[in-house]
PDB file of all heavy atoms in Angstrom:
ATOM      1  N   MET A   1     -34.642   5.626  73.033  1.00  0.00           N
ATOM      2  CA  MET A   1     -33.211   5.429  72.523  1.00  0.00           C
ATOM      3  C   MET A   1     -32.560   4.964  73.801  1.00  0.00           C
ATOM      4  O   MET A   1     -31.626   4.119  73.740  1.00  0.00           O
ATOM      5  CB  MET A   1     -32.716   6.757  71.866  1.00  0.00           C
ATOM      6  CG  MET A   1     -33.244   6.999  70.565  1.00  0.00           C
ATOM      7  SD  MET A   1     -32.546   5.830  69.327  1.00  0.00           S
ATOM      8  CE  MET A   1     -30.862   6.144  69.353  1.00  0.00           C
ATOM      9  N   VAL A   2     -32.807   5.669  74.910  1.00  0.00           N
ATOM     10  CA  VAL A   2     -32.186   5.339  76.152  1.00  0.00           C
ATOM     11  C   VAL A   2     -32.329   3.904  76.596  1.00  0.00           C
ATOM     12  O   VAL A   2     -31.602   3.107  77.011  1.00  0.00           O
ATOM     13  CB  VAL A   2     -32.427   6.338  77.421  1.00  0.00           C
ATOM     14  CG1 VAL A   2     -32.109   5.852  78.676  1.00  0.00           C
ATOM     15  CG2 VAL A   2     -31.894   7.799  77.051  1.00  0.00           C
ATOM     16  N   PHE A   3     -33.661   3.491  76.425  1.00  0.00           N
ATOM     17  CA  PHE A   3     -34.064   2.181  76.749  1.00  0.00           C
ATOM     18  C   PHE A   3     -33.277   1.135  75.800  1.00  0.00           C
ATOM     19  O   PHE A   3     -32.783   0.123  76.335  1.00  0.00           O
ATOM     20  CB  PHE A   3     -35.586   1.974  76.445  1.00  0.00           C
ATOM     21  CG  PHE A   3     -36.075   0.647  76.672  1.00  0.00           C
ATOM     22  CD1 PHE A   3     -36.298   0.017  78.003  1.00  0.00           C
ATOM     23  CD2 PHE A   3     -36.468  -0.199  75.589  1.00  0.00           C
ATOM     24  CE1 PHE A   3     -36.641  -1.268  78.085  1.00  0.00           C
ATOM     25  CE2 PHE A   3     -36.895  -1.475  75.726  1.00  0.00           C
ATOM     26  CZ  PHE A   3     -37.016  -2.042  76.977  1.00  0.00           C
ATOM     27  N   LEU A   4     -33.192   1.487  74.525  1.00  0.00           N
ATOM     28  CA  LEU A   4     -32.445   0.491  73.600  1.00  0.00           C
ATOM     29  C   LEU A   4     -30.931   0.496  73.995  1.00  0.00           C
ATOM     30  O   LEU A   4     -30.428  -0.582  73.784  1.00  0.00           O
ATOM     31  CB  LEU A   4     -32.721   0.993  72.157  1.00  0.00           C
ATOM     32  CG  LEU A   4     -33.914   0.738  71.488  1.00  0.00           C
ATOM     33  CD1 LEU A   4     -34.012   1.192  70.042  1.00  0.00           C
ATOM     34  CD2 LEU A   4     -34.158  -0.763  71.323  1.00  0.00           C
ATOM     35  N   VAL A   5     -30.374   1.561  74.326  1.00  0.00           N
ATOM     36  CA  VAL A   5     -28.987   1.576  74.855  1.00  0.00           C
ATOM     37  C   VAL A   5     -28.859   0.628  76.042  1.00  0.00           C
ATOM     38  O   VAL A   5     -27.892  -0.024  76.231  1.00  0.00           O
ATOM     39  CB  VAL A   5     -28.498   3.049  75.000  1.00  0.00           C
ATOM     40  CG1 VAL A   5     -27.280   3.083  75.749  1.00  0.00           C
ATOM     41  CG2 VAL A   5     -28.360   3.740  73.681  1.00  0.00           C
ATOM     42  N   GLY A   6     -29.721   0.925  76.918  1.00  0.00           N
ATOM     43  CA  GLY A   6     -29.877   0.004  78.132  1.00  0.00           C
ATOM     44  C   GLY A   6     -29.899  -1.459  77.812  1.00  0.00           C
ATOM     45  O   GLY A   6     -29.022  -2.333  78.420  1.00  0.00           O
ATOM     46  N   VAL A   7     -30.799  -1.788  76.997  1.00  0.00           N
ATOM     47  CA  VAL A   7     -30.852  -3.255  76.445  1.00  0.00           C
ATOM     48  C   VAL A   7     -29.577  -3.746  75.765  1.00  0.00           C
ATOM     49  O   VAL A   7     -29.200  -4.846  76.006  1.00  0.00           O
ATOM     50  CB  VAL A   7     -32.032  -3.466  75.546  1.00  0.00           C
ATOM     51  CG1 VAL A   7     -32.164  -4.818  74.892  1.00  0.00           C
ATOM     52  CG2 VAL A   7     -33.461  -3.191  76.299  1.00  0.00           C
ATOM     53  N   TYR A   8     -28.933  -2.800  74.945  1.00  0.00           N
ATOM     54  CA  TYR A   8     -27.797  -3.205  74.214  1.00  0.00           C
ATOM     55  C   TYR A   8     -26.557  -3.511  75.205  1.00  0.00           C
ATOM     56  O   TYR A   8     -26.036  -4.437  75.151  1.00  0.00           O
ATOM     57  CB  TYR A   8     -27.356  -2.060  73.534  1.00  0.00           C
ATOM     58  CG  TYR A   8     -25.900  -2.184  72.888  1.00  0.00           C
ATOM     59  CD1 TYR A   8     -25.565  -3.058  72.052  1.00  0.00           C
ATOM     60  CD2 TYR A   8     -24.867  -1.362  73.408  1.00  0.00           C
ATOM     61  CE1 TYR A   8     -24.231  -3.197  71.524  1.00  0.00           C
ATOM     62  CE2 TYR A   8     -23.554  -1.541  72.928  1.00  0.00           C
ATOM     63  CZ  TYR A   8     -23.187  -2.399  72.028  1.00  0.00           C
ATOM     64  OH  TYR A   8     -21.906  -2.542  71.551  1.00  0.00           O
ATOM     65  N   PHE A   9     -26.432  -2.590  76.300  1.00  0.00           N
ATOM     66  CA  PHE A   9     -25.370  -2.893  77.309  1.00  0.00           C
ATOM     67  C   PHE A   9     -25.712  -4.217  78.166  1.00  0.00           C
ATOM     68  O   PHE A   9     -24.807  -4.933  78.506  1.00  0.00           O
ATOM     69  CB  PHE A   9     -25.157  -1.779  78.279  1.00  0.00           C
ATOM     70  CG  PHE A   9     -24.360  -0.657  77.616  1.00  0.00           C
ATOM     71  CD1 PHE A   9     -24.967   0.568  77.422  1.00  0.00           C
ATOM     72  CD2 PHE A   9     -23.075  -0.837  77.147  1.00  0.00           C
ATOM     73  CE1 PHE A   9     -24.211   1.638  76.819  1.00  0.00           C
ATOM     74  CE2 PHE A   9     -22.327   0.161  76.642  1.00  0.00           C
ATOM     75  CZ  PHE A   9     -22.864   1.365  76.406  1.00  0.00           C
ATOM     76  N   ILE A  10     -27.018  -4.489  78.471  1.00  0.00           N
ATOM     77  CA  ILE A  10     -27.231  -5.707  79.136  1.00  0.00           C
ATOM     78  C   ILE A  10     -27.076  -6.798  78.260  1.00  0.00           C
ATOM     79  O   ILE A  10     -26.471  -7.767  78.791  1.00  0.00           O
ATOM     80  CB  ILE A  10     -28.765  -5.666  79.617  1.00  0.00           C
ATOM     81  CG1 ILE A  10     -29.030  -4.645  80.713  1.00  0.00           C
ATOM     82  CG2 ILE A  10     -29.290  -7.007  80.026  1.00  0.00           C
ATOM     83  CD1 ILE A  10     -30.557  -4.373  80.974  1.00  0.00           C
ATOM     84  N   THR A  11     -27.458  -6.829  77.031  1.00  0.00           N
ATOM     85  CA  THR A  11     -27.166  -8.057  76.157  1.00  0.00           C
ATOM     86  C   THR A  11     -25.661  -8.248  75.816  1.00  0.00           C
ATOM     87  O   THR A  11     -25.216  -9.374  75.840  1.00  0.00           O
ATOM     88  CB  THR A  11     -27.873  -7.916  74.772  1.00  0.00           C
ATOM     89  OG1 THR A  11     -27.589  -6.650  74.176  1.00  0.00           O
ATOM     90  CG2 THR A  11     -29.344  -7.894  75.016  1.00  0.00           C
ATOM     91  N   LYS A  12     -24.859  -7.135  75.869  1.00  0.00           N
ATOM     92  CA  LYS A  12     -23.488  -7.235  75.503  1.00  0.00           C
ATOM     93  C   LYS A  12     -22.840  -7.803  76.928  1.00  0.00           C
ATOM     94  O   LYS A  12     -21.957  -8.761  76.749  1.00  0.00           O
ATOM     95  CB  LYS A  12     -22.852  -5.852  75.360  1.00  0.00           C
ATOM     96  CG  LYS A  12     -21.384  -5.931  74.881  1.00  0.00           C
ATOM     97  CD  LYS A  12     -20.884  -4.633  74.278  1.00  0.00           C
ATOM     98  CE  LYS A  12     -19.491  -4.761  73.906  1.00  0.00           C
ATOM     99  NZ  LYS A  12     -19.102  -4.059  72.729  1.00  0.00           N
ATOM    100  N   ASN A  13     -23.204  -7.380  78.075  1.00  0.00           N
ATOM    101  CA  ASN A  13     -22.636  -7.871  79.213  1.00  0.00           C
ATOM    102  C   ASN A  13     -23.047  -9.406  79.619  1.00  0.00           C
ATOM    103  O   ASN A  13     -22.284 -10.136  80.209  1.00  0.00           O
ATOM    104  CB  ASN A  13     -23.007  -7.078  80.446  1.00  0.00           C
ATOM    105  CG  ASN A  13     -22.339  -5.860  80.504  1.00  0.00           C
ATOM    106  OD1 ASN A  13     -21.209  -5.675  79.905  1.00  0.00           O
ATOM    107  ND2 ASN A  13     -22.799  -4.748  81.031  1.00  0.00           N
ATOM    108  N   LEU A  14     -24.262  -9.794  79.054  1.00  0.00           N
ATOM    109  CA  LEU A  14     -24.708 -11.130  79.188  1.00  0.00           C
ATOM    110  C   LEU A  14     -24.127 -12.178  78.268  1.00  0.00           C
ATOM    111  O   LEU A  14     -24.300 -13.358  78.290  1.00  0.00           O
ATOM    112  CB  LEU A  14     -26.183 -11.286  79.157  1.00  0.00           C
ATOM    113  CG  LEU A  14     -26.908 -10.658  80.431  1.00  0.00           C
ATOM    114  CD1 LEU A  14     -28.501 -10.778  80.256  1.00  0.00           C
ATOM    115  CD2 LEU A  14     -26.524 -11.351  81.568  1.00  0.00           C
ATOM    116  N   GLY A  15     -23.344 -11.661  77.166  1.00  0.00           N
ATOM    117  CA  GLY A  15     -22.730 -12.470  76.183  1.00  0.00           C
ATOM    118  C   GLY A  15     -23.686 -12.829  75.089  1.00  0.00           C
ATOM    119  O   GLY A  15     -23.469 -13.856  74.361  1.00  0.00           O
ATOM    120  N   LEU A  16     -24.825 -12.056  74.944  1.00  0.00           N
ATOM    121  CA  LEU A  16     -25.663 -12.356  73.725  1.00  0.00           C
ATOM    122  C   LEU A  16     -25.129 -11.590  72.585  1.00  0.00           C
ATOM    123  O   LEU A  16     -25.500 -10.445  72.221  1.00  0.00           O
ATOM    124  CB  LEU A  16     -27.103 -11.886  74.152  1.00  0.00           C
ATOM    125  CG  LEU A  16     -27.684 -12.550  75.391  1.00  0.00           C
ATOM    126  CD1 LEU A  16     -28.955 -11.848  75.861  1.00  0.00           C
ATOM    127  CD2 LEU A  16     -27.873 -14.016  75.177  1.00  0.00           C
ATOM    128  N   PHE A  17     -24.204 -12.336  71.846  1.00  0.00           N
ATOM    129  CA  PHE A  17     -23.465 -11.550  70.759  1.00  0.00           C
ATOM    130  C   PHE A  17     -24.327 -11.099  69.579  1.00  0.00           C
ATOM    131  O   PHE A  17     -24.307 -10.061  69.122  1.00  0.00           O
ATOM    132  CB  PHE A  17     -22.354 -12.471  70.277  1.00  0.00           C
ATOM    133  CG  PHE A  17     -21.295 -12.808  71.302  1.00  0.00           C
ATOM    134  CD1 PHE A  17     -21.211 -14.089  71.795  1.00  0.00           C
ATOM    135  CD2 PHE A  17     -20.601 -11.849  71.814  1.00  0.00           C
ATOM    136  CE1 PHE A  17     -20.249 -14.406  72.724  1.00  0.00           C
ATOM    137  CE2 PHE A  17     -19.662 -12.102  72.924  1.00  0.00           C
ATOM    138  CZ  PHE A  17     -19.529 -13.386  73.417  1.00  0.00           C
ATOM    139  N   MET A  18     -25.242 -12.103  69.090  1.00  0.00           N
ATOM    140  CA  MET A  18     -26.050 -11.640  67.954  1.00  0.00           C
ATOM    141  C   MET A  18     -27.135 -10.530  68.334  1.00  0.00           C
ATOM    142  O   MET A  18     -27.254  -9.574  67.486  1.00  0.00           O
ATOM    143  CB  MET A  18     -26.916 -12.916  67.575  1.00  0.00           C
ATOM    144  CG  MET A  18     -27.673 -12.686  66.258  1.00  0.00           C
ATOM    145  SD  MET A  18     -28.484 -14.258  65.708  1.00  0.00           S
ATOM    146  CE  MET A  18     -28.273 -13.984  63.998  1.00  0.00           C
ATOM    147  N   THR A  19     -27.760 -10.620  69.437  1.00  0.00           N
ATOM    148  CA  THR A  19     -28.602  -9.579  69.805  1.00  0.00           C
ATOM    149  C   THR A  19     -27.905  -8.186  70.067  1.00  0.00           C
ATOM    150  O   THR A  19     -28.426  -7.199  69.579  1.00  0.00           O
ATOM    151  CB  THR A  19     -29.308  -9.971  71.171  1.00  0.00           C
ATOM    152  OG1 THR A  19     -29.984 -11.184  70.873  1.00  0.00           O
ATOM    153  CG2 THR A  19     -30.471  -8.942  71.568  1.00  0.00           C
ATOM    154  N   SER A  20     -26.709  -8.255  70.675  1.00  0.00           N
ATOM    155  CA  SER A  20     -25.974  -6.988  70.903  1.00  0.00           C
ATOM    156  C   SER A  20     -25.538  -6.438  69.489  1.00  0.00           C
ATOM    157  O   SER A  20     -25.398  -5.194  69.341  1.00  0.00           O
ATOM    158  CB  SER A  20     -24.831  -7.252  71.782  1.00  0.00           C
ATOM    159  OG  SER A  20     -23.995  -8.062  71.385  1.00  0.00           O
ATOM    160  N   TRP A  21     -25.121  -7.309  68.625  1.00  0.00           N
ATOM    161  CA  TRP A  21     -24.655  -6.836  67.230  1.00  0.00           C
ATOM    162  C   TRP A  21     -25.858  -6.180  66.512  1.00  0.00           C
ATOM    163  O   TRP A  21     -25.544  -5.173  65.950  1.00  0.00           O
ATOM    164  CB  TRP A  21     -24.078  -8.023  66.500  1.00  0.00           C
ATOM    165  CG  TRP A  21     -23.638  -7.598  65.153  1.00  0.00           C
ATOM    166  CD1 TRP A  21     -22.486  -7.044  64.795  1.00  0.00           C
ATOM    167  CD2 TRP A  21     -24.405  -7.844  63.908  1.00  0.00           C
ATOM    168  NE1 TRP A  21     -22.455  -6.794  63.423  1.00  0.00           N
ATOM    169  CE2 TRP A  21     -23.573  -7.281  62.820  1.00  0.00           C
ATOM    170  CE3 TRP A  21     -25.614  -8.510  63.625  1.00  0.00           C
ATOM    171  CZ2 TRP A  21     -24.033  -7.392  61.460  1.00  0.00           C
ATOM    172  CZ3 TRP A  21     -26.039  -8.510  62.342  1.00  0.00           C
ATOM    173  CH2 TRP A  21     -25.273  -7.905  61.233  1.00  0.00           C
ATOM    174  N   ILE A  22     -27.046  -6.836  66.461  1.00  0.00           N
ATOM    175  CA  ILE A  22     -28.127  -6.285  65.887  1.00  0.00           C
ATOM    176  C   ILE A  22     -28.551  -4.819  66.422  1.00  0.00           C
ATOM    177  O   ILE A  22     -28.822  -3.984  65.776  1.00  0.00           O
ATOM    178  CB  ILE A  22     -29.325  -7.237  65.848  1.00  0.00           C
ATOM    179  CG1 ILE A  22     -28.961  -8.490  64.983  1.00  0.00           C
ATOM    180  CG2 ILE A  22     -30.649  -6.464  65.485  1.00  0.00           C
ATOM    181  CD1 ILE A  22     -30.093  -9.624  65.097  1.00  0.00           C
ATOM    182  N   LEU A  23     -28.470  -4.815  67.781  1.00  0.00           N
ATOM    183  CA  LEU A  23     -28.756  -3.521  68.416  1.00  0.00           C
ATOM    184  C   LEU A  23     -27.805  -2.561  68.085  1.00  0.00           C
ATOM    185  O   LEU A  23     -28.124  -1.359  67.970  1.00  0.00           O
ATOM    186  CB  LEU A  23     -28.926  -3.508  69.918  1.00  0.00           C
ATOM    187  CG  LEU A  23     -30.226  -4.461  70.373  1.00  0.00           C
ATOM    188  CD1 LEU A  23     -30.117  -4.777  71.841  1.00  0.00           C
ATOM    189  CD2 LEU A  23     -31.511  -3.586  70.032  1.00  0.00           C
ATOM    190  N   GLN A  24     -26.429  -2.847  68.000  1.00  0.00           N
ATOM    191  CA  GLN A  24     -25.375  -1.858  67.596  1.00  0.00           C
ATOM    192  C   GLN A  24     -25.681  -1.468  66.184  1.00  0.00           C
ATOM    193  O   GLN A  24     -25.500  -0.211  65.974  1.00  0.00           O
ATOM    194  CB  GLN A  24     -24.128  -2.579  67.749  1.00  0.00           C
ATOM    195  CG  GLN A  24     -22.924  -1.828  67.436  1.00  0.00           C
ATOM    196  CD  GLN A  24     -21.541  -2.368  67.644  1.00  0.00           C
ATOM    197  OE1 GLN A  24     -21.530  -3.572  68.036  1.00  0.00           O
ATOM    198  NE2 GLN A  24     -20.519  -1.692  67.455  1.00  0.00           N
ATOM    199  N   GLU A  25     -26.037  -2.341  65.203  1.00  0.00           N
ATOM    200  CA  GLU A  25     -26.244  -1.863  63.877  1.00  0.00           C
ATOM    201  C   GLU A  25     -27.530  -1.002  63.804  1.00  0.00           C
ATOM    202  O   GLU A  25     -27.481  -0.113  63.100  1.00  0.00           O
ATOM    203  CB  GLU A  25     -26.406  -3.077  62.978  1.00  0.00           C
ATOM    204  CG  GLU A  25     -25.149  -3.821  62.842  1.00  0.00           C
ATOM    205  CD  GLU A  25     -23.883  -2.978  62.373  1.00  0.00           C
ATOM    206  OE1 GLU A  25     -24.114  -2.224  61.470  1.00  0.00           O
ATOM    207  OE2 GLU A  25     -22.809  -3.262  62.949  1.00  0.00           O
ATOM    208  N   LEU A  26     -28.501  -1.398  64.589  1.00  0.00           N
ATOM    209  CA  LEU A  26     -29.818  -0.625  64.597  1.00  0.00           C
ATOM    210  C   LEU A  26     -29.439   0.824  65.153  1.00  0.00           C
ATOM    211  O   LEU A  26     -30.172   1.766  64.734  1.00  0.00           O
ATOM    212  CB  LEU A  26     -30.740  -1.324  65.533  1.00  0.00           C
ATOM    213  CG  LEU A  26     -32.166  -0.741  65.622  1.00  0.00           C
ATOM    214  CD1 LEU A  26     -32.904  -0.670  64.317  1.00  0.00           C
ATOM    215  CD2 LEU A  26     -33.038  -1.367  66.698  1.00  0.00           C
ATOM    216  N   GLY A  27     -28.595   0.877  66.177  1.00  0.00           N
ATOM    217  CA  GLY A  27     -28.196   2.080  66.693  1.00  0.00           C
ATOM    218  C   GLY A  27     -27.691   3.181  65.661  1.00  0.00           C
ATOM    219  O   GLY A  27     -28.032   4.284  65.674  1.00  0.00           O
ATOM    220  N   THR A  28     -26.786   2.631  64.759  1.00  0.00           N
ATOM    221  CA  THR A  28     -26.292   3.421  63.689  1.00  0.00           C
ATOM    222  C   THR A  28     -27.337   3.948  62.715  1.00  0.00           C
ATOM    223  O   THR A  28     -27.414   5.103  62.404  1.00  0.00           O
ATOM    224  CB  THR A  28     -25.218   2.439  62.843  1.00  0.00           C
ATOM    225  OG1 THR A  28     -24.243   2.036  63.803  1.00  0.00           O
ATOM    226  CG2 THR A  28     -24.486   3.384  61.756  1.00  0.00           C
ATOM    227  N   VAL A  29     -28.327   3.006  62.354  1.00  0.00           N
ATOM    228  CA  VAL A  29     -29.291   3.350  61.476  1.00  0.00           C
ATOM    229  C   VAL A  29     -30.248   4.477  62.173  1.00  0.00           C
ATOM    230  O   VAL A  29     -30.676   5.380  61.568  1.00  0.00           O
ATOM    231  CB  VAL A  29     -30.117   2.151  60.951  1.00  0.00           C
ATOM    232  CG1 VAL A  29     -31.440   2.540  60.240  1.00  0.00           C
ATOM    233  CG2 VAL A  29     -29.243   1.303  60.230  1.00  0.00           C
ATOM    234  N   LEU A  30     -30.566   4.175  63.398  1.00  0.00           N
ATOM    235  CA  LEU A  30     -31.424   5.150  64.250  1.00  0.00           C
ATOM    236  C   LEU A  30     -30.803   6.496  64.322  1.00  0.00           C
ATOM    237  O   LEU A  30     -31.530   7.503  64.301  1.00  0.00           O
ATOM    238  CB  LEU A  30     -31.855   4.598  65.593  1.00  0.00           C
ATOM    239  CG  LEU A  30     -32.762   3.435  65.566  1.00  0.00           C
ATOM    240  CD1 LEU A  30     -33.020   2.904  67.006  1.00  0.00           C
ATOM    241  CD2 LEU A  30     -34.235   3.862  64.964  1.00  0.00           C
ATOM    242  N   PHE A  31     -29.475   6.599  64.499  1.00  0.00           N
ATOM    243  CA  PHE A  31     -28.843   7.888  64.577  1.00  0.00           C
ATOM    244  C   PHE A  31     -29.106   8.703  63.328  1.00  0.00           C
ATOM    245  O   PHE A  31     -29.484   9.836  63.420  1.00  0.00           O
ATOM    246  CB  PHE A  31     -27.286   7.654  64.846  1.00  0.00           C
ATOM    247  CG  PHE A  31     -26.612   8.910  65.041  1.00  0.00           C
ATOM    248  CD1 PHE A  31     -26.798   9.705  66.162  1.00  0.00           C
ATOM    249  CD2 PHE A  31     -25.722   9.436  64.020  1.00  0.00           C
ATOM    250  CE1 PHE A  31     -25.978  10.813  66.295  1.00  0.00           C
ATOM    251  CE2 PHE A  31     -25.032  10.540  64.166  1.00  0.00           C
ATOM    252  CZ  PHE A  31     -25.192  11.303  65.333  1.00  0.00           C
ATOM    253  N   VAL A  32     -28.928   8.177  62.216  1.00  0.00           N
ATOM    254  CA  VAL A  32     -29.088   8.872  60.964  1.00  0.00           C
ATOM    255  C   VAL A  32     -30.620   9.169  60.743  1.00  0.00           C
ATOM    256  O   VAL A  32     -30.959  10.248  60.365  1.00  0.00           O
ATOM    257  CB  VAL A  32     -28.600   8.052  59.782  1.00  0.00           C
ATOM    258  CG1 VAL A  32     -28.962   8.583  58.439  1.00  0.00           C
ATOM    259  CG2 VAL A  32     -27.169   7.924  59.779  1.00  0.00           C
ATOM    260  N   LEU A  33     -31.493   8.243  61.033  1.00  0.00           N
ATOM    261  CA  LEU A  33     -32.992   8.436  60.967  1.00  0.00           C
ATOM    262  C   LEU A  33     -33.398   9.596  61.892  1.00  0.00           C
ATOM    263  O   LEU A  33     -34.178  10.435  61.499  1.00  0.00           O
ATOM    264  CB  LEU A  33     -33.658   7.101  61.328  1.00  0.00           C
ATOM    265  CG  LEU A  33     -35.097   7.146  61.105  1.00  0.00           C
ATOM    266  CD1 LEU A  33     -35.418   7.230  59.507  1.00  0.00           C
ATOM    267  CD2 LEU A  33     -35.830   5.769  61.535  1.00  0.00           C
ATOM    268  N   ILE A  34     -32.918   9.752  63.118  1.00  0.00           N
ATOM    269  CA  ILE A  34     -33.319  10.708  63.990  1.00  0.00           C
ATOM    270  C   ILE A  34     -32.905  12.088  63.387  1.00  0.00           C
ATOM    271  O   ILE A  34     -33.709  13.034  63.584  1.00  0.00           O
ATOM    272  CB  ILE A  34     -32.702  10.419  65.416  1.00  0.00           C
ATOM    273  CG1 ILE A  34     -33.517   9.339  66.115  1.00  0.00           C
ATOM    274  CG2 ILE A  34     -32.630  11.776  66.276  1.00  0.00           C
ATOM    275  CD1 ILE A  34     -33.095   8.950  67.427  1.00  0.00           C
ATOM    276  N   ILE A  35     -31.742  12.198  62.871  1.00  0.00           N
ATOM    277  CA  ILE A  35     -31.325  13.445  62.192  1.00  0.00           C
ATOM    278  C   ILE A  35     -32.220  13.880  61.129  1.00  0.00           C
ATOM    279  O   ILE A  35     -32.571  15.093  61.095  1.00  0.00           O
ATOM    280  CB  ILE A  35     -29.816  13.286  61.786  1.00  0.00           C
ATOM    281  CG1 ILE A  35     -28.875  13.240  62.967  1.00  0.00           C
ATOM    282  CG2 ILE A  35     -29.495  14.539  60.930  1.00  0.00           C
ATOM    283  CD1 ILE A  35     -27.366  12.942  62.557  1.00  0.00           C
ATOM    284  N   VAL A  36     -32.771  13.007  60.365  1.00  0.00           N
ATOM    285  CA  VAL A  36     -33.565  13.249  59.242  1.00  0.00           C
ATOM    286  C   VAL A  36     -34.936  13.628  59.799  1.00  0.00           C
ATOM    287  O   VAL A  36     -35.573  14.641  59.379  1.00  0.00           O
ATOM    288  CB  VAL A  36     -33.624  12.008  58.283  1.00  0.00           C
ATOM    289  CG1 VAL A  36     -34.676  12.339  57.276  1.00  0.00           C
ATOM    290  CG2 VAL A  36     -32.317  11.729  57.568  1.00  0.00           C
ATOM    291  N   ILE A  37     -35.401  12.888  60.653  1.00  0.00           N
ATOM    292  CA  ILE A  37     -36.888  13.104  61.228  1.00  0.00           C
ATOM    293  C   ILE A  37     -36.840  14.350  62.098  1.00  0.00           C
ATOM    294  O   ILE A  37     -37.791  15.203  61.937  1.00  0.00           O
ATOM    295  CB  ILE A  37     -37.272  11.932  62.024  1.00  0.00           C
ATOM    296  CG1 ILE A  37     -37.553  10.728  61.178  1.00  0.00           C
ATOM    297  CG2 ILE A  37     -38.581  12.187  62.857  1.00  0.00           C
ATOM    298  CD1 ILE A  37     -37.817   9.467  61.915  1.00  0.00           C
ATOM    299  N   PHE A  38     -35.873  14.696  62.828  1.00  0.00           N
ATOM    300  CA  PHE A  38     -35.941  15.725  63.731  1.00  0.00           C
ATOM    301  C   PHE A  38     -35.165  16.926  63.416  1.00  0.00           C
ATOM    302  O   PHE A  38     -34.508  17.695  64.246  1.00  0.00           O
ATOM    303  CB  PHE A  38     -35.627  15.362  65.219  1.00  0.00           C
ATOM    304  CG  PHE A  38     -36.566  14.451  65.833  1.00  0.00           C
ATOM    305  CD1 PHE A  38     -36.218  13.087  66.059  1.00  0.00           C
ATOM    306  CD2 PHE A  38     -37.923  14.801  66.144  1.00  0.00           C
ATOM    307  CE1 PHE A  38     -37.069  12.235  66.571  1.00  0.00           C
ATOM    308  CE2 PHE A  38     -38.852  13.949  66.638  1.00  0.00           C
ATOM    309  CZ  PHE A  38     -38.404  12.614  66.929  1.00  0.00           C
ATOM    310  N   GLN A  39     -35.059  17.143  62.021  1.00  0.00           N
ATOM    311  CA  GLN A  39     -34.056  18.268  61.566  1.00  0.00           C
ATOM    312  C   GLN A  39     -34.636  19.634  61.968  1.00  0.00           C
ATOM    313  O   GLN A  39     -33.818  20.593  62.270  1.00  0.00           O
ATOM    314  CB  GLN A  39     -33.858  18.180  60.150  1.00  0.00           C
ATOM    315  CG  GLN A  39     -35.161  18.296  59.308  1.00  0.00           C
ATOM    316  CD  GLN A  39     -34.839  18.255  57.760  1.00  0.00           C
ATOM    317  OE1 GLN A  39     -33.725  18.402  57.381  1.00  0.00           O
ATOM    318  NE2 GLN A  39     -35.782  17.980  56.913  1.00  0.00           N
ATOM    319  N   ALA A  40     -35.890  19.725  62.048  1.00  0.00           N
ATOM    320  CA  ALA A  40     -36.480  21.038  62.466  1.00  0.00           C
ATOM    321  C   ALA A  40     -36.249  21.315  63.975  1.00  0.00           C
ATOM    322  O   ALA A  40     -35.796  22.384  64.214  1.00  0.00           O
ATOM    323  CB  ALA A  40     -37.953  21.118  62.144  1.00  0.00           C
TER     324      ALA A  40
END
């Protein structure tokens, strides 16, 4: 997750709008998925 956040900030600063938007949406889905997977 830290790696994906790093890639997101790099793509956002480089102006790669589509890639940063996809990573941003993926982050929202991953947040919910992590809560479900690691509930224990």
